[in-house]
Amino acid sequence: MGPITVFDKSFLQSLNLDESVWFDHFFYPIITPLFYIECLADLESSPKNGQSPEDHLSSLAAKTPQMAGTPCHFHQALCLNNLLGHPVPLKPHIPVANAIHVIKNGEIGTLLKEADESKAFRRWNKKQYTALERIYAREWRAQIARINLNQIRRDLFGAAQNADTKSLEKVNDLSDKLIYEFTKSSARFDSSLEILGVPNELKLQIKARWKQLKKPNLYQFSPYAAHILKVTIFFALAVSAGHISADRATNQVDIAYFFYAPFCHIFVSSDKLHERCAPFLLRKDQTFIWGQNLKSDLNNLDSYYKGLSDEIKNTGIYRFARSLPQSSNGIIREIFSAHSPNLLIEPPPIPTDLAKHKVLVDSVNEWVTAPAVKKLVINPAQESKAFVLERYVSPKRGSWIQVQVQEKNDSIT
């Protein structure tokens, strides 16, 4: 499990299937809701490179991370929770929905069942699509067509039109200033809730909490909501100032990947908009990686491992590729050195003791069948004694055996 990584559709599209296997293997990708929706929207796209929309989406689904990748909770839900006082840490982790907390022998455990998005990608890989998904795809593309970025240029943040926005650096400075301005008065605080799309039925509760805390600035009151607001305002000002084209409606979709940026170590994309905006929307301890550079190094890894003997390759990549090869000195090693140096250390051998393996499997099954806990008085992220993640992994993917399968019962070893 490598550095936690936000990726966009442009990056995954650029990879071939074998390269995507190594991305999934050496990184811990965040599968954002935006990526899922963008992929789904391709069902209603025009044929590309001789591929039907169904074939194109099937190809994307086949490359979507399945072993390490985890779908992230929707940013709007996280934002509302944070405004209501629930913590949303701005640090590398993947916020997930629908975790099940169970109790076994007086101890708490956390179960993460396979996400609905992951189930959908498995279906899409087989070219199985529901009628409802086709309707959603059609409506999403219609929504994109209705986006009018020129309207932003005309009137959004009109009060800032006389400010200096001659460069993205100036836009960034003004965005930061406006975030603090939103808590200078109750009316301005109301405006921030409008921009964030807070439902009317929650506004009074959120505002009452803000007043009870003596009206702190947004970064203190709700750090994640402040980040969402920063991305939104930065984008609006950059469009208004002409730094981002108002003629490409999908820019508004692309910028939204930054809503999930606080949760990653690295952000990888082959989109120039992301490359230009990353210096202003990522923290100093995060890294932006140009997609083609990472693709090149993944291809080098693929070539290296294909040079191994068939005997080694047939054991599966989770046995023979547990750390970067010493000969790998590209951008992946640089990323690991900066964000996951422990992954450069050769891990201990995989235990081969069948008795110990059975004890582990039995323990996992006990947690899976343990009774659920409806109400917790602890923080499960800090107090859980076990985390069990359900994954469906293709034994063979592209040219690679990912995991060995016993012939008798097809269970993964």
Protein backbone atom coordinates (compact mmCIF):
# COMPACT_ATOMS: atom_id res chain seq x y z
CA MET A 1 0.00 0.00 0.00
CA GLY A 2 1.72 3.13 -1.25
CA PRO A 3 1.13 6.87 -0.99
CA ILE A 4 -2.52 7.93 -0.94
CA THR A 5 -3.21 9.33 -4.39
CA VAL A 6 -5.92 11.40 -6.03
CA PHE A 7 -6.06 10.65 -9.76
CA ASP A 8 -8.36 11.95 -12.47
CA LYS A 9 -9.91 10.30 -15.50
CA SER A 10 -7.34 11.79 -17.89
CA PHE A 11 -4.54 9.95 -16.09
CA LEU A 12 -6.22 6.56 -15.97
CA GLN A 13 -7.23 6.85 -19.64
CA SER A 14 -3.57 7.40 -20.55
CA LEU A 15 -2.48 4.09 -18.98
CA ASN A 16 -2.57 0.74 -20.69
CA LEU A 17 -4.01 -2.15 -18.66
CA ASP A 18 -0.63 -3.48 -17.49
CA GLU A 19 0.50 -0.02 -16.35
CA SER A 20 -2.75 0.35 -14.41
CA VAL A 21 -1.99 -2.89 -12.54
CA TRP A 22 1.26 -1.38 -11.21
CA PHE A 23 -0.46 1.89 -10.31
CA ASP A 24 -2.96 -0.09 -8.25
CA HIS A 25 -0.16 -2.18 -6.73
CA PHE A 26 2.30 0.53 -5.67
CA PHE A 27 -0.14 3.32 -4.77
CA TYR A 28 -3.25 3.70 -2.61
CA PRO A 29 -5.65 5.47 -5.00
CA ILE A 30 -8.65 7.53 -3.90
CA ILE A 31 -11.57 6.73 -6.19
CA THR A 32 -13.44 10.03 -6.06
CA PRO A 33 -17.19 10.25 -6.71
CA LEU A 34 -16.29 12.65 -9.51
CA PHE A 35 -14.25 9.96 -11.29
CA TYR A 36 -17.18 7.56 -11.01
CA ILE A 37 -19.62 10.13 -12.44
CA GLU A 38 -17.26 11.13 -15.26
CA CYS A 39 -16.85 7.49 -16.26
CA LEU A 40 -20.60 6.91 -16.14
CA ALA A 41 -21.18 9.97 -18.34
CA ASP A 42 -19.12 8.32 -21.08
CA LEU A 43 -22.09 5.99 -21.71
CA GLU A 44 -23.71 8.90 -23.54
CA SER A 45 -20.56 10.07 -25.32
CA SER A 46 -19.74 9.80 -29.01
CA PRO A 47 -17.63 6.85 -30.22
CA LYS A 48 -13.87 7.44 -29.79
CA ASN A 49 -11.04 5.84 -31.78
CA GLY A 50 -13.43 3.29 -33.23
CA GLN A 51 -14.69 2.30 -29.75
CA SER A 52 -18.35 2.37 -28.80
CA PRO A 53 -19.20 4.18 -25.54
CA GLU A 54 -19.82 0.76 -23.95
CA ASP A 55 -16.38 -0.52 -25.04
CA HIS A 56 -14.68 2.68 -23.86
CA LEU A 57 -16.29 2.51 -20.41
CA SER A 58 -15.48 -1.19 -20.14
CA SER A 59 -11.82 -0.38 -20.82
CA LEU A 60 -11.80 2.33 -18.16
CA ALA A 61 -13.48 0.04 -15.64
CA ALA A 62 -10.87 -2.65 -16.27
CA LYS A 63 -8.12 -0.16 -15.36
CA THR A 64 -9.84 1.20 -12.25
CA PRO A 65 -7.93 0.27 -9.05
CA GLN A 66 -9.45 -2.74 -7.32
CA MET A 67 -6.94 -4.06 -4.76
CA ALA A 68 -5.80 -0.85 -3.05
CA GLY A 69 -8.20 1.75 -4.43
CA THR A 70 -11.02 2.88 -2.16
CA PRO A 71 -14.07 5.02 -3.03
CA CYS A 72 -14.16 8.28 -1.08
CA HIS A 73 -17.22 9.77 0.62
CA PHE A 74 -18.95 12.56 -1.36
CA HIS A 75 -17.40 15.96 -0.65
CA GLN A 76 -20.75 17.67 -0.06
CA ALA A 77 -21.65 15.23 2.72
CA LEU A 78 -18.20 15.68 4.30
CA CYS A 79 -18.55 19.46 4.07
CA LEU A 80 -21.96 19.49 5.78
CA ASN A 81 -20.74 17.14 8.53
CA ASN A 82 -17.77 19.40 9.15
CA LEU A 83 -19.98 22.52 9.33
CA LEU A 84 -22.13 20.69 11.90
CA GLY A 85 -19.11 20.06 14.08
CA HIS A 86 -17.96 16.59 13.05
CA PRO A 87 -14.19 16.37 12.41
CA VAL A 88 -12.94 15.89 8.84
CA PRO A 89 -9.13 15.71 9.19
CA LEU A 90 -7.21 17.47 6.42
CA LYS A 91 -4.51 14.83 6.24
CA PRO A 92 -3.77 11.78 4.09
CA HIS A 93 -6.57 9.26 4.62
CA ILE A 94 -9.64 8.14 2.69
CA PRO A 95 -12.97 9.17 4.27
CA VAL A 96 -15.38 6.32 3.62
CA ALA A 97 -19.12 5.95 3.95
CA ASN A 98 -21.16 3.13 5.44
CA ALA A 99 -18.51 1.66 7.74
CA ILE A 100 -20.00 -1.02 9.99
CA HIS A 101 -18.80 -1.16 13.60
CA VAL A 102 -18.98 -4.57 15.31
CA ILE A 103 -18.11 -5.95 18.71
CA LYS A 104 -16.21 -9.18 19.48
CA ASN A 105 -15.12 -10.23 22.96
CA GLY A 106 -15.73 -6.69 24.21
CA GLU A 107 -13.57 -5.09 21.49
CA ILE A 108 -14.67 -2.85 18.61
CA GLY A 109 -13.87 -3.64 14.98
CA THR A 110 -14.66 -1.83 11.72
CA LEU A 111 -15.91 -3.54 8.54
CA LEU A 112 -15.88 -1.93 5.12
CA LYS A 113 -18.00 -3.87 2.68
CA GLU A 114 -17.44 -3.58 -1.06
CA ALA A 115 -18.64 -0.13 -2.12
CA ASP A 116 -21.49 0.24 -4.61
CA GLU A 117 -19.10 2.10 -6.92
CA SER A 118 -16.73 -0.88 -6.95
CA LYS A 119 -19.61 -3.21 -7.78
CA ALA A 120 -20.57 -0.91 -10.64
CA PHE A 121 -17.04 -0.87 -12.08
CA ARG A 122 -17.03 -4.70 -12.04
CA ARG A 123 -20.31 -4.72 -13.96
CA TRP A 124 -19.10 -2.09 -16.41
CA ASN A 125 -15.99 -4.14 -17.13
CA LYS A 126 -18.42 -6.84 -18.34
CA LYS A 127 -20.42 -4.23 -20.31
CA GLN A 128 -23.41 -4.61 -18.01
CA TYR A 129 -25.24 -1.31 -17.52
CA THR A 130 -28.59 -0.56 -15.92
CA ALA A 131 -31.25 1.62 -17.53
CA LEU A 132 -31.00 4.00 -14.57
CA GLU A 133 -27.26 4.43 -15.14
CA ARG A 134 -27.91 5.42 -18.75
CA ILE A 135 -30.44 8.01 -17.57
CA TYR A 136 -27.92 9.41 -15.06
CA ALA A 137 -25.27 9.55 -17.77
CA ARG A 138 -27.60 11.47 -20.07
CA GLU A 139 -28.59 13.93 -17.32
CA TRP A 140 -24.96 14.51 -16.27
CA ARG A 141 -23.95 15.43 -19.81
CA ALA A 142 -26.98 17.72 -20.04
CA GLN A 143 -25.92 19.44 -16.81
CA ILE A 144 -22.44 20.01 -18.21
CA ALA A 145 -23.94 21.50 -21.36
CA ARG A 146 -25.95 23.95 -19.22
CA ILE A 147 -22.90 25.27 -17.34
CA ASN A 148 -22.30 28.89 -18.30
CA LEU A 149 -18.88 29.99 -17.12
CA ASN A 150 -19.31 33.29 -18.90
CA GLN A 151 -21.92 34.13 -16.27
CA ILE A 152 -19.13 33.97 -13.69
CA ARG A 153 -17.17 36.50 -15.68
CA ARG A 154 -20.15 38.85 -15.69
CA ASP A 155 -21.35 38.89 -12.13
CA LEU A 156 -19.90 36.34 -9.67
CA PHE A 157 -17.88 38.07 -6.98
CA GLY A 158 -18.57 41.40 -8.61
CA ALA A 159 -17.30 43.18 -5.53
CA ALA A 160 -13.83 41.87 -6.30
CA GLN A 161 -13.75 43.08 -9.89
CA ASN A 162 -11.53 46.05 -9.03
CA ALA A 163 -9.02 43.91 -7.14
CA ASP A 164 -5.66 42.91 -8.62
CA THR A 165 -6.17 39.54 -10.33
CA LYS A 166 -3.49 39.88 -13.01
CA SER A 167 -1.93 36.50 -12.14
CA LEU A 168 -2.99 33.26 -10.49
CA GLU A 169 -0.77 34.24 -7.56
CA LYS A 170 -2.87 37.39 -7.09
CA VAL A 171 -6.07 35.35 -7.50
CA ASN A 172 -4.84 33.01 -4.77
CA ASP A 173 -4.08 35.91 -2.41
CA LEU A 174 -7.51 37.41 -2.99
CA SER A 175 -9.19 34.02 -2.45
CA ASP A 176 -7.49 33.63 0.93
CA LYS A 177 -8.54 37.15 1.90
CA LEU A 178 -12.17 36.51 0.96
CA ILE A 179 -12.31 33.35 3.08
CA TYR A 180 -11.57 35.46 6.16
CA GLU A 181 -14.01 38.17 5.03
CA PHE A 182 -16.89 35.68 5.17
CA THR A 183 -16.86 35.70 8.97
CA LYS A 184 -16.70 39.49 9.39
CA SER A 185 -20.50 39.70 9.61
CA SER A 186 -23.56 37.46 9.87
CA ALA A 187 -24.66 38.44 6.37
CA ARG A 188 -21.32 37.41 4.89
CA PHE A 189 -21.41 34.14 6.80
CA ASP A 190 -24.82 33.51 5.24
CA SER A 191 -23.25 34.11 1.83
CA SER A 192 -20.61 31.46 2.48
CA LEU A 193 -23.34 28.92 3.29
CA GLU A 194 -25.09 29.81 0.04
CA ILE A 195 -21.94 29.27 -2.00
CA LEU A 196 -21.35 25.93 -0.27
CA GLY A 197 -24.86 24.79 -1.18
CA VAL A 198 -25.98 24.23 2.41
CA PRO A 199 -29.67 23.14 2.55
CA ASN A 200 -31.97 25.73 4.10
CA GLU A 201 -33.01 23.37 6.90
CA LEU A 202 -29.40 23.19 8.19
CA LYS A 203 -28.41 26.86 7.93
CA LEU A 204 -29.82 27.99 11.28
CA GLN A 205 -28.17 25.08 13.12
CA ILE A 206 -24.79 25.78 11.53
CA LYS A 207 -25.03 29.51 12.14
CA ALA A 208 -26.03 28.96 15.77
CA ARG A 209 -22.96 26.77 16.27
CA TRP A 210 -20.75 29.47 14.70
CA LYS A 211 -22.15 32.11 17.04
CA GLN A 212 -21.84 29.83 20.07
CA LEU A 213 -18.12 29.42 19.27
CA LYS A 214 -17.79 33.25 19.19
CA LYS A 215 -17.68 33.57 15.39
CA PRO A 216 -14.28 32.06 14.53
CA ASN A 217 -12.90 32.33 11.00
CA LEU A 218 -13.88 29.54 8.62
CA TYR A 219 -10.52 27.77 8.80
CA GLN A 220 -11.04 27.40 12.56
CA PHE A 221 -14.78 26.74 12.43
CA SER A 222 -14.85 24.18 9.61
CA PRO A 223 -11.47 23.51 7.94
CA TYR A 224 -12.81 21.24 5.22
CA ALA A 225 -15.68 23.60 4.35
CA ALA A 226 -13.08 26.40 4.15
CA HIS A 227 -11.08 24.31 1.69
CA ILE A 228 -14.16 23.70 -0.50
CA LEU A 229 -14.88 27.43 -0.43
CA LYS A 230 -11.26 28.23 -1.31
CA VAL A 231 -11.35 25.97 -4.40
CA THR A 232 -14.71 27.42 -5.47
CA ILE A 233 -13.66 31.06 -5.06
CA PHE A 234 -10.24 30.54 -6.62
CA PHE A 235 -11.86 28.99 -9.68
CA ALA A 236 -14.52 31.70 -9.97
CA LEU A 237 -11.96 34.51 -9.72
CA ALA A 238 -9.59 32.79 -12.17
CA VAL A 239 -12.41 32.46 -14.71
CA SER A 240 -13.53 36.03 -14.09
CA ALA A 241 -9.98 37.30 -14.65
CA GLY A 242 -9.57 35.23 -17.83
CA HIS A 243 -6.88 32.88 -16.48
CA ILE A 244 -9.18 29.89 -16.97
CA SER A 245 -11.25 29.62 -20.14
CA ALA A 246 -14.95 30.34 -19.79
CA ASP A 247 -15.58 28.53 -23.07
CA ARG A 248 -14.82 25.05 -21.71
CA ALA A 249 -17.64 24.06 -19.35
CA THR A 250 -15.84 20.90 -18.23
CA ASN A 251 -13.29 23.10 -16.43
CA GLN A 252 -15.83 23.35 -13.62
CA VAL A 253 -15.87 19.55 -13.39
CA ASP A 254 -12.08 19.26 -13.53
CA ILE A 255 -11.49 21.78 -10.74
CA ALA A 256 -13.75 19.75 -8.43
CA TYR A 257 -11.10 17.01 -8.14
CA PHE A 258 -9.34 19.44 -5.81
CA PHE A 259 -12.23 19.04 -3.34
CA TYR A 260 -10.61 15.70 -2.46
CA ALA A 261 -7.03 16.95 -2.44
CA PRO A 262 -6.70 17.37 1.37
CA PHE A 263 -6.86 13.59 1.78
CA CYS A 264 -3.90 12.63 -0.42
CA HIS A 265 -0.11 12.58 -0.45
CA ILE A 266 0.06 13.09 -4.20
CA PHE A 267 -2.27 14.38 -6.91
CA VAL A 268 -1.67 12.91 -10.37
CA SER A 269 -3.26 14.23 -13.54
CA SER A 270 -2.63 14.78 -17.24
CA ASP A 271 -4.87 17.86 -17.26
CA LYS A 272 -3.14 21.23 -17.70
CA LEU A 273 -5.78 22.95 -15.55
CA HIS A 274 -4.77 20.74 -12.62
CA GLU A 275 -1.09 21.38 -13.27
CA ARG A 276 -1.58 25.17 -13.24
CA CYS A 277 -3.82 25.25 -10.15
CA ALA A 278 -2.05 22.65 -8.01
CA PRO A 279 0.54 25.08 -6.52
CA PHE A 280 -2.32 27.08 -5.00
CA LEU A 281 -4.71 24.29 -3.97
CA LEU A 282 -2.32 21.70 -2.51
CA ARG A 283 -0.48 21.93 0.81
CA LYS A 284 3.29 22.25 1.00
CA ASP A 285 3.57 18.63 2.16
CA GLN A 286 1.73 17.37 -0.95
CA THR A 287 3.07 16.72 -4.45
CA PHE A 288 1.56 17.22 -7.89
CA ILE A 289 2.74 14.66 -10.47
CA TRP A 290 2.28 15.15 -14.19
CA GLY A 291 0.47 12.05 -15.44
CA GLN A 292 2.75 11.27 -18.38
CA ASN A 293 5.79 11.22 -16.10
CA LEU A 294 4.21 8.66 -13.79
CA LYS A 295 2.94 6.64 -16.76
CA SER A 296 6.50 6.44 -18.12
CA ASP A 297 7.87 5.11 -14.84
CA LEU A 298 5.01 2.61 -14.50
CA ASN A 299 5.89 1.39 -17.99
CA ASN A 300 9.53 0.97 -16.92
CA LEU A 301 8.40 -1.13 -13.96
CA ASP A 302 6.21 -3.22 -16.25
CA SER A 303 9.14 -3.89 -18.58
CA TYR A 304 11.41 -4.81 -15.66
CA TYR A 305 8.97 -7.33 -14.20
CA LYS A 306 8.22 -8.84 -17.61
CA GLY A 307 11.93 -9.74 -17.75
CA LEU A 308 11.57 -12.07 -14.76
CA SER A 309 11.23 -15.81 -15.22
CA ASP A 310 7.79 -17.35 -15.72
CA GLU A 311 8.30 -19.33 -12.51
CA ILE A 312 8.56 -16.10 -10.51
CA LYS A 313 5.78 -14.30 -12.39
CA ASN A 314 3.38 -17.21 -11.87
CA THR A 315 3.55 -16.71 -8.09
CA GLY A 316 1.59 -13.46 -8.48
CA ILE A 317 2.65 -9.84 -8.12
CA TYR A 318 1.63 -9.69 -4.46
CA ARG A 319 4.39 -12.21 -3.77
CA PHE A 320 7.24 -11.22 -6.08
CA ALA A 321 6.75 -7.40 -6.24
CA ARG A 322 6.41 -6.43 -2.60
CA SER A 323 8.84 -3.51 -2.88
CA LEU A 324 10.35 -1.36 -5.62
CA PRO A 325 13.22 -3.06 -7.47
CA GLN A 326 16.64 -1.60 -6.70
CA SER A 327 17.07 -0.68 -10.37
CA SER A 328 14.01 1.60 -10.24
CA ASN A 329 15.33 5.16 -9.86
CA GLY A 330 12.54 7.16 -11.44
CA ILE A 331 9.76 9.36 -10.17
CA ILE A 332 8.11 6.55 -8.18
CA ARG A 333 11.21 6.19 -6.00
CA GLU A 334 11.21 9.98 -5.52
CA ILE A 335 7.55 9.84 -4.44
CA PHE A 336 8.20 6.98 -2.03
CA SER A 337 11.24 8.74 -0.56
CA ALA A 338 9.17 11.85 0.12
CA HIS A 339 5.92 10.29 1.30
CA SER A 340 6.36 6.57 2.10
CA PRO A 341 10.04 5.85 2.84
CA ASN A 342 9.12 2.66 4.69
CA LEU A 343 8.06 1.17 1.35
CA LEU A 344 11.67 1.32 0.15
CA ILE A 345 12.62 -1.22 2.83
CA GLU A 346 12.44 -4.88 1.85
CA PRO A 347 9.46 -6.35 3.75
CA PRO A 348 9.76 -9.60 5.71
CA PRO A 349 8.89 -12.83 3.86
CA ILE A 350 5.23 -13.79 3.58
CA PRO A 351 4.45 -16.41 6.26
CA THR A 352 4.00 -19.87 4.78
CA ASP A 353 2.85 -21.59 7.96
CA LEU A 354 -0.61 -22.94 7.09
CA ALA A 355 -1.63 -23.08 10.75
CA LYS A 356 -0.93 -19.34 11.18
CA HIS A 357 -2.75 -18.64 7.93
CA LYS A 358 -5.82 -20.49 9.24
CA VAL A 359 -5.73 -18.53 12.52
CA LEU A 360 -5.72 -15.27 10.53
CA VAL A 361 -8.58 -16.38 8.27
CA ASP A 362 -10.62 -17.56 11.27
CA SER A 363 -10.05 -14.22 13.03
CA VAL A 364 -11.23 -12.28 9.97
CA ASN A 365 -14.35 -14.45 9.67
CA GLU A 366 -15.13 -13.90 13.38
CA TRP A 367 -15.03 -10.12 12.86
CA VAL A 368 -17.18 -10.37 9.71
CA THR A 369 -19.87 -12.34 11.54
CA ALA A 370 -19.70 -10.31 14.79
CA PRO A 371 -22.83 -8.36 15.82
CA ALA A 372 -23.07 -4.71 14.78
CA VAL A 373 -22.90 -1.88 17.30
CA LYS A 374 -25.53 0.80 16.77
CA LYS A 375 -24.15 3.48 19.06
CA LEU A 376 -20.53 4.20 19.94
CA VAL A 377 -19.11 6.28 22.77
CA ILE A 378 -15.58 6.08 21.32
CA ASN A 379 -13.85 7.20 18.15
CA PRO A 380 -13.77 3.98 16.09
CA ALA A 381 -10.89 5.24 13.93
CA GLN A 382 -8.71 5.43 17.04
CA GLU A 383 -10.10 2.55 19.12
CA SER A 384 -10.90 -0.21 16.59
CA LYS A 385 -8.89 -3.36 17.16
CA ALA A 386 -9.42 -4.58 13.62
CA PHE A 387 -10.24 -3.17 10.20
CA VAL A 388 -11.63 -5.64 7.66
CA LEU A 389 -11.92 -4.48 4.04
CA GLU A 390 -13.89 -6.45 1.50
CA ARG A 391 -12.29 -6.53 -1.95
CA TYR A 392 -13.06 -8.40 -5.15
CA VAL A 393 -9.79 -8.84 -7.02
CA SER A 394 -9.31 -10.33 -10.49
CA PRO A 395 -6.78 -13.16 -10.12
CA LYS A 396 -5.40 -12.24 -13.56
CA ARG A 397 -5.43 -8.74 -14.98
CA GLY A 398 -3.82 -7.83 -18.26
CA SER A 399 -0.55 -9.75 -18.53
CA TRP A 400 -0.28 -10.24 -14.78
CA ILE A 401 -1.31 -12.82 -12.23
CA GLN A 402 -2.24 -10.66 -9.26
CA VAL A 403 -2.93 -13.43 -6.77
CA GLN A 404 -2.81 -17.19 -6.88
CA VAL A 405 -6.10 -19.06 -6.81
CA GLN A 406 -6.57 -22.59 -5.51
CA GLU A 407 -8.10 -24.70 -8.23
CA LYS A 408 -10.40 -26.62 -5.90
CA ASN A 409 -12.55 -23.78 -4.65
CA ASP A 410 -11.28 -20.67 -6.45
CA SER A 411 -10.44 -19.00 -3.15
CA ILE A 412 -7.61 -16.49 -3.13
CA THR A 413 -4.49 -17.59 -1.31
